[in-house]
N, C-alpha and C. Protein backbone atom coordinates (compact mmCIF):
# COMPACT_ATOMS: atom_id res chain seq x y z
N MET A 1 -29.34 -17.74 3.56
CA MET A 1 -29.80 -18.57 2.49
C MET A 1 -29.02 -18.21 1.24
N GLY A 2 -28.69 -19.20 0.46
CA GLY A 2 -28.02 -18.98 -0.81
C GLY A 2 -28.33 -20.12 -1.76
N VAL A 3 -28.47 -19.80 -3.03
CA VAL A 3 -28.78 -20.80 -4.04
C VAL A 3 -27.74 -20.72 -5.15
N LEU A 4 -27.35 -21.88 -5.63
CA LEU A 4 -26.40 -22.00 -6.72
C LEU A 4 -27.12 -22.70 -7.85
N ARG A 5 -26.96 -22.21 -9.08
CA ARG A 5 -27.60 -22.89 -10.20
C ARG A 5 -26.69 -22.93 -11.42
N ARG A 6 -26.91 -23.97 -12.22
CA ARG A 6 -26.28 -23.99 -13.54
C ARG A 6 -26.98 -22.92 -14.34
N THR A 7 -26.24 -22.18 -15.11
CA THR A 7 -26.86 -21.07 -15.82
C THR A 7 -26.68 -21.22 -17.32
N PRO A 8 -27.76 -21.17 -18.08
CA PRO A 8 -27.67 -21.34 -19.52
C PRO A 8 -27.13 -20.12 -20.25
N CYS A 9 -27.08 -18.97 -19.60
CA CYS A 9 -26.71 -17.74 -20.31
C CYS A 9 -25.21 -17.51 -20.38
N CYS A 10 -24.47 -18.26 -19.63
CA CYS A 10 -23.02 -18.06 -19.58
C CYS A 10 -22.33 -19.30 -20.13
N GLY A 11 -21.08 -19.50 -19.79
CA GLY A 11 -20.33 -20.64 -20.31
C GLY A 11 -20.66 -21.95 -19.61
N PRO A 12 -20.27 -23.07 -20.21
CA PRO A 12 -20.58 -24.38 -19.64
C PRO A 12 -19.91 -24.63 -18.29
N GLY A 13 -18.85 -23.93 -17.99
CA GLY A 13 -18.17 -24.11 -16.71
C GLY A 13 -18.67 -23.16 -15.63
N ASP A 14 -19.72 -22.40 -15.94
CA ASP A 14 -20.19 -21.38 -15.01
C ASP A 14 -21.31 -21.88 -14.11
N ALA A 15 -21.31 -21.39 -12.88
CA ALA A 15 -22.40 -21.57 -11.94
C ALA A 15 -22.82 -20.17 -11.51
N GLU A 16 -24.10 -19.99 -11.26
CA GLU A 16 -24.61 -18.66 -10.90
C GLU A 16 -25.08 -18.64 -9.45
N VAL A 17 -24.66 -17.63 -8.71
CA VAL A 17 -25.15 -17.39 -7.36
C VAL A 17 -26.50 -16.73 -7.48
N LYS A 18 -27.49 -17.28 -6.80
CA LYS A 18 -28.84 -16.71 -6.82
C LYS A 18 -29.34 -16.58 -5.39
N ARG A 19 -30.09 -15.57 -5.14
CA ARG A 19 -30.86 -15.42 -3.90
C ARG A 19 -30.06 -15.48 -2.61
N MET A 20 -28.90 -14.86 -2.58
CA MET A 20 -28.20 -14.77 -1.30
C MET A 20 -28.96 -13.81 -0.41
N TYR A 21 -29.19 -14.24 0.83
CA TYR A 21 -29.93 -13.40 1.77
C TYR A 21 -29.55 -13.78 3.19
N VAL A 22 -29.31 -12.75 4.00
CA VAL A 22 -29.08 -12.93 5.43
C VAL A 22 -30.13 -12.08 6.14
N ALA A 23 -30.85 -12.70 7.06
CA ALA A 23 -31.89 -11.98 7.81
C ALA A 23 -31.27 -10.79 8.54
N PRO A 24 -31.99 -9.67 8.59
CA PRO A 24 -31.44 -8.45 9.21
C PRO A 24 -30.85 -8.67 10.61
N GLU A 25 -31.51 -9.47 11.42
CA GLU A 25 -31.01 -9.66 12.79
C GLU A 25 -29.73 -10.49 12.85
N ALA A 26 -29.35 -11.15 11.74
CA ALA A 26 -28.14 -11.96 11.71
C ALA A 26 -27.00 -11.30 10.94
N ARG A 27 -27.22 -10.12 10.44
CA ARG A 27 -26.19 -9.44 9.63
C ARG A 27 -25.04 -8.94 10.50
N GLY A 28 -23.90 -8.74 9.84
CA GLY A 28 -22.73 -8.22 10.53
C GLY A 28 -21.91 -9.29 11.25
N ARG A 29 -22.19 -10.54 10.96
CA ARG A 29 -21.47 -11.65 11.61
C ARG A 29 -20.62 -12.45 10.63
N GLY A 30 -20.52 -12.00 9.40
CA GLY A 30 -19.72 -12.71 8.40
C GLY A 30 -20.43 -13.89 7.76
N LEU A 31 -21.73 -14.01 7.96
CA LEU A 31 -22.48 -15.14 7.41
C LEU A 31 -22.53 -15.12 5.89
N ALA A 32 -22.69 -13.95 5.30
CA ALA A 32 -22.77 -13.87 3.84
C ALA A 32 -21.44 -14.30 3.21
N ARG A 33 -20.34 -13.90 3.79
CA ARG A 33 -19.02 -14.29 3.27
C ARG A 33 -18.83 -15.80 3.37
N ARG A 34 -19.24 -16.38 4.49
CA ARG A 34 -19.12 -17.84 4.67
C ARG A 34 -20.06 -18.58 3.71
N MET A 35 -21.25 -18.03 3.51
CA MET A 35 -22.20 -18.63 2.59
C MET A 35 -21.66 -18.60 1.16
N LEU A 36 -21.09 -17.48 0.76
CA LEU A 36 -20.52 -17.35 -0.57
C LEU A 36 -19.39 -18.35 -0.76
N ALA A 37 -18.53 -18.49 0.24
CA ALA A 37 -17.42 -19.45 0.16
C ALA A 37 -17.95 -20.89 0.05
N ALA A 38 -19.02 -21.20 0.77
CA ALA A 38 -19.60 -22.55 0.69
C ALA A 38 -20.19 -22.80 -0.69
N LEU A 39 -20.85 -21.80 -1.27
CA LEU A 39 -21.39 -21.95 -2.62
C LEU A 39 -20.26 -22.16 -3.63
N GLU A 40 -19.16 -21.45 -3.46
CA GLU A 40 -18.00 -21.61 -4.34
C GLU A 40 -17.43 -23.02 -4.23
N ARG A 41 -17.32 -23.54 -3.01
CA ARG A 41 -16.81 -24.90 -2.82
C ARG A 41 -17.74 -25.92 -3.48
N ASP A 42 -19.05 -25.74 -3.32
CA ASP A 42 -20.01 -26.65 -3.95
C ASP A 42 -19.91 -26.60 -5.47
N ALA A 43 -19.76 -25.41 -6.02
CA ALA A 43 -19.64 -25.27 -7.47
C ALA A 43 -18.36 -25.95 -7.97
N ALA A 44 -17.26 -25.73 -7.28
CA ALA A 44 -15.99 -26.36 -7.68
C ALA A 44 -16.10 -27.88 -7.59
N ALA A 45 -16.75 -28.39 -6.54
CA ALA A 45 -16.93 -29.84 -6.39
C ALA A 45 -17.79 -30.41 -7.51
N ALA A 46 -18.67 -29.59 -8.06
CA ALA A 46 -19.53 -30.01 -9.17
C ALA A 46 -18.84 -29.84 -10.52
N GLY A 47 -17.57 -29.43 -10.52
CA GLY A 47 -16.81 -29.29 -11.75
C GLY A 47 -16.92 -27.93 -12.42
N LYS A 48 -17.53 -26.97 -11.75
CA LYS A 48 -17.65 -25.63 -12.31
C LYS A 48 -16.33 -24.89 -12.12
N THR A 49 -16.02 -23.99 -13.06
CA THR A 49 -14.75 -23.27 -13.02
C THR A 49 -14.89 -21.78 -12.78
N ARG A 50 -16.13 -21.27 -12.85
CA ARG A 50 -16.32 -19.84 -12.65
C ARG A 50 -17.69 -19.60 -12.02
N MET A 51 -17.72 -18.65 -11.10
CA MET A 51 -18.97 -18.20 -10.48
C MET A 51 -19.36 -16.90 -11.14
N VAL A 52 -20.63 -16.74 -11.45
CA VAL A 52 -21.17 -15.47 -11.96
C VAL A 52 -22.34 -15.08 -11.08
N LEU A 53 -22.63 -13.80 -11.05
CA LEU A 53 -23.78 -13.33 -10.28
C LEU A 53 -24.25 -12.00 -10.81
N GLU A 54 -25.47 -11.70 -10.45
CA GLU A 54 -26.13 -10.47 -10.88
C GLU A 54 -26.69 -9.79 -9.63
N THR A 55 -26.47 -8.48 -9.53
CA THR A 55 -27.03 -7.70 -8.43
C THR A 55 -27.38 -6.32 -8.97
N GLY A 56 -27.69 -5.40 -8.10
CA GLY A 56 -28.07 -4.07 -8.55
C GLY A 56 -27.44 -2.98 -7.70
N LEU A 57 -27.47 -1.78 -8.22
CA LEU A 57 -26.90 -0.63 -7.50
C LEU A 57 -27.61 -0.38 -6.17
N GLY A 58 -28.83 -0.88 -6.02
CA GLY A 58 -29.56 -0.73 -4.76
C GLY A 58 -29.08 -1.68 -3.68
N GLN A 59 -28.06 -2.47 -3.96
CA GLN A 59 -27.49 -3.43 -3.02
C GLN A 59 -26.01 -3.14 -2.77
N PRO A 60 -25.68 -1.96 -2.24
CA PRO A 60 -24.26 -1.61 -2.09
C PRO A 60 -23.48 -2.56 -1.18
N GLU A 61 -24.14 -3.12 -0.16
CA GLU A 61 -23.44 -4.04 0.73
C GLU A 61 -23.06 -5.32 -0.03
N ALA A 62 -23.95 -5.78 -0.89
CA ALA A 62 -23.66 -6.97 -1.69
C ALA A 62 -22.50 -6.71 -2.65
N ILE A 63 -22.51 -5.56 -3.30
CA ILE A 63 -21.43 -5.21 -4.22
C ILE A 63 -20.10 -5.16 -3.48
N THR A 64 -20.08 -4.58 -2.30
CA THR A 64 -18.86 -4.52 -1.50
C THR A 64 -18.38 -5.93 -1.15
N LEU A 65 -19.31 -6.80 -0.76
CA LEU A 65 -18.95 -8.18 -0.44
C LEU A 65 -18.32 -8.86 -1.64
N TYR A 66 -18.97 -8.77 -2.80
CA TYR A 66 -18.48 -9.48 -3.97
C TYR A 66 -17.11 -8.95 -4.41
N LEU A 67 -16.93 -7.65 -4.41
CA LEU A 67 -15.63 -7.09 -4.79
C LEU A 67 -14.54 -7.52 -3.81
N SER A 68 -14.85 -7.49 -2.53
CA SER A 68 -13.84 -7.88 -1.52
C SER A 68 -13.55 -9.37 -1.55
N ALA A 69 -14.46 -10.16 -2.13
CA ALA A 69 -14.26 -11.61 -2.25
C ALA A 69 -13.57 -11.99 -3.56
N GLY A 70 -13.16 -10.99 -4.34
CA GLY A 70 -12.40 -11.27 -5.55
C GLY A 70 -13.20 -11.31 -6.83
N TYR A 71 -14.46 -10.90 -6.78
CA TYR A 71 -15.28 -10.86 -7.98
C TYR A 71 -14.94 -9.61 -8.79
N ALA A 72 -14.99 -9.75 -10.11
CA ALA A 72 -14.69 -8.64 -11.02
C ALA A 72 -15.92 -8.36 -11.88
N PRO A 73 -16.13 -7.10 -12.28
CA PRO A 73 -17.27 -6.78 -13.15
C PRO A 73 -17.18 -7.51 -14.48
N ILE A 74 -18.32 -7.95 -14.98
CA ILE A 74 -18.43 -8.56 -16.30
C ILE A 74 -19.62 -7.92 -17.00
N PRO A 75 -19.78 -8.15 -18.30
CA PRO A 75 -20.95 -7.61 -18.99
C PRO A 75 -22.24 -8.15 -18.38
N SER A 76 -23.27 -7.34 -18.42
CA SER A 76 -24.56 -7.74 -17.86
C SER A 76 -25.15 -8.92 -18.61
N PHE A 77 -25.87 -9.75 -17.86
CA PHE A 77 -26.58 -10.90 -18.43
C PHE A 77 -27.88 -11.07 -17.65
N GLY A 78 -28.69 -11.98 -18.09
CA GLY A 78 -29.89 -12.32 -17.35
C GLY A 78 -31.08 -11.43 -17.64
N LEU A 79 -32.12 -11.66 -16.87
CA LEU A 79 -33.40 -10.99 -17.07
C LEU A 79 -33.29 -9.47 -17.02
N HIS A 80 -32.45 -8.93 -16.16
CA HIS A 80 -32.34 -7.48 -15.96
C HIS A 80 -31.13 -6.87 -16.66
N ARG A 81 -30.58 -7.56 -17.65
CA ARG A 81 -29.33 -7.10 -18.28
C ARG A 81 -29.42 -5.71 -18.89
N ASP A 82 -30.60 -5.28 -19.29
CA ASP A 82 -30.75 -3.96 -19.90
C ASP A 82 -31.09 -2.87 -18.90
N SER A 83 -31.23 -3.23 -17.64
CA SER A 83 -31.53 -2.25 -16.60
C SER A 83 -30.29 -1.44 -16.28
N PRO A 84 -30.39 -0.11 -16.21
CA PRO A 84 -29.21 0.70 -15.93
C PRO A 84 -28.59 0.44 -14.56
N GLY A 85 -29.36 -0.10 -13.62
CA GLY A 85 -28.83 -0.38 -12.29
C GLY A 85 -28.28 -1.78 -12.13
N ASN A 86 -28.32 -2.59 -13.18
CA ASN A 86 -27.84 -3.97 -13.12
C ASN A 86 -26.32 -4.01 -13.10
N ARG A 87 -25.77 -4.87 -12.26
CA ARG A 87 -24.33 -5.09 -12.20
C ARG A 87 -24.09 -6.59 -12.11
N CYS A 88 -23.13 -7.07 -12.90
CA CYS A 88 -22.80 -8.49 -12.91
C CYS A 88 -21.32 -8.66 -12.61
N TYR A 89 -21.00 -9.78 -11.96
CA TYR A 89 -19.64 -10.04 -11.51
C TYR A 89 -19.31 -11.51 -11.72
N ALA A 90 -18.01 -11.81 -11.77
CA ALA A 90 -17.56 -13.20 -11.90
C ALA A 90 -16.27 -13.38 -11.12
N ARG A 91 -16.03 -14.64 -10.79
CA ARG A 91 -14.79 -15.01 -10.09
C ARG A 91 -14.40 -16.40 -10.58
N SER A 92 -13.16 -16.54 -10.99
CA SER A 92 -12.65 -17.85 -11.39
C SER A 92 -12.48 -18.70 -10.14
N LEU A 93 -12.95 -19.91 -10.19
CA LEU A 93 -12.79 -20.79 -9.04
C LEU A 93 -11.39 -21.39 -9.00
N ALA A 94 -10.67 -21.34 -10.12
CA ALA A 94 -9.31 -21.86 -10.17
C ALA A 94 -8.31 -20.87 -9.59
N THR A 95 -8.46 -19.59 -9.94
CA THR A 95 -7.48 -18.59 -9.52
C THR A 95 -8.02 -17.63 -8.48
N GLY A 96 -9.34 -17.57 -8.34
CA GLY A 96 -9.94 -16.65 -7.39
C GLY A 96 -10.24 -15.29 -7.97
N THR A 97 -9.86 -15.05 -9.21
CA THR A 97 -10.16 -13.77 -9.85
C THR A 97 -10.59 -14.02 -11.28
N ASP A 98 -11.02 -13.00 -11.94
CA ASP A 98 -11.41 -13.11 -13.34
C ASP A 98 -10.90 -11.88 -14.08
N PRO A 99 -9.59 -11.83 -14.35
CA PRO A 99 -9.02 -10.62 -14.95
C PRO A 99 -9.46 -10.36 -16.38
N ALA A 100 -9.88 -11.38 -17.12
CA ALA A 100 -10.32 -11.20 -18.50
C ALA A 100 -11.67 -11.87 -18.67
N PRO A 101 -12.74 -11.25 -18.15
CA PRO A 101 -14.05 -11.89 -18.20
C PRO A 101 -14.52 -12.16 -19.61
N GLU A 102 -15.19 -13.28 -19.77
CA GLU A 102 -15.76 -13.62 -21.07
C GLU A 102 -16.95 -12.71 -21.36
N GLN A 103 -17.25 -12.56 -22.62
CA GLN A 103 -18.48 -11.85 -22.98
C GLN A 103 -19.65 -12.78 -22.69
N VAL A 104 -20.58 -12.32 -21.89
CA VAL A 104 -21.77 -13.12 -21.60
C VAL A 104 -23.03 -12.40 -22.03
N GLY A 105 -22.87 -11.37 -22.83
CA GLY A 105 -24.03 -10.62 -23.32
C GLY A 105 -24.00 -9.20 -22.81
N GLY A 106 -24.43 -8.27 -23.64
CA GLY A 106 -24.50 -6.88 -23.21
C GLY A 106 -23.15 -6.20 -23.22
N ALA A 107 -23.14 -4.97 -22.80
CA ALA A 107 -21.92 -4.17 -22.77
C ALA A 107 -21.28 -4.24 -21.39
N GLN A 108 -19.98 -4.11 -21.35
CA GLN A 108 -19.26 -4.07 -20.06
C GLN A 108 -19.72 -2.86 -19.28
N ARG A 109 -19.98 -3.04 -17.99
CA ARG A 109 -20.41 -1.95 -17.13
C ARG A 109 -19.37 -1.70 -16.09
């Protein structure tokens, strides 16, 4: 399961990945990577230019997935932006990376 939403906290060209989840019995089959790619395609088709997402240090597998998919750390945003375990990432849909992330609130982590 994966949800994509327009996000008011970032730029007008941004879409936010929300609620990515793969059931435990289906993990290890590349489903999360395929789901993330499908969400990126949907966002690009909707005219979005950058994907942003929020996760936490308690999700090391998710962090590994996002980094390996070309996401780069950005300043924290969202409901948990002040949490020390919060981590936020972005990926340009045009180039596949985000070497100079925009400020979206908070300090760079």
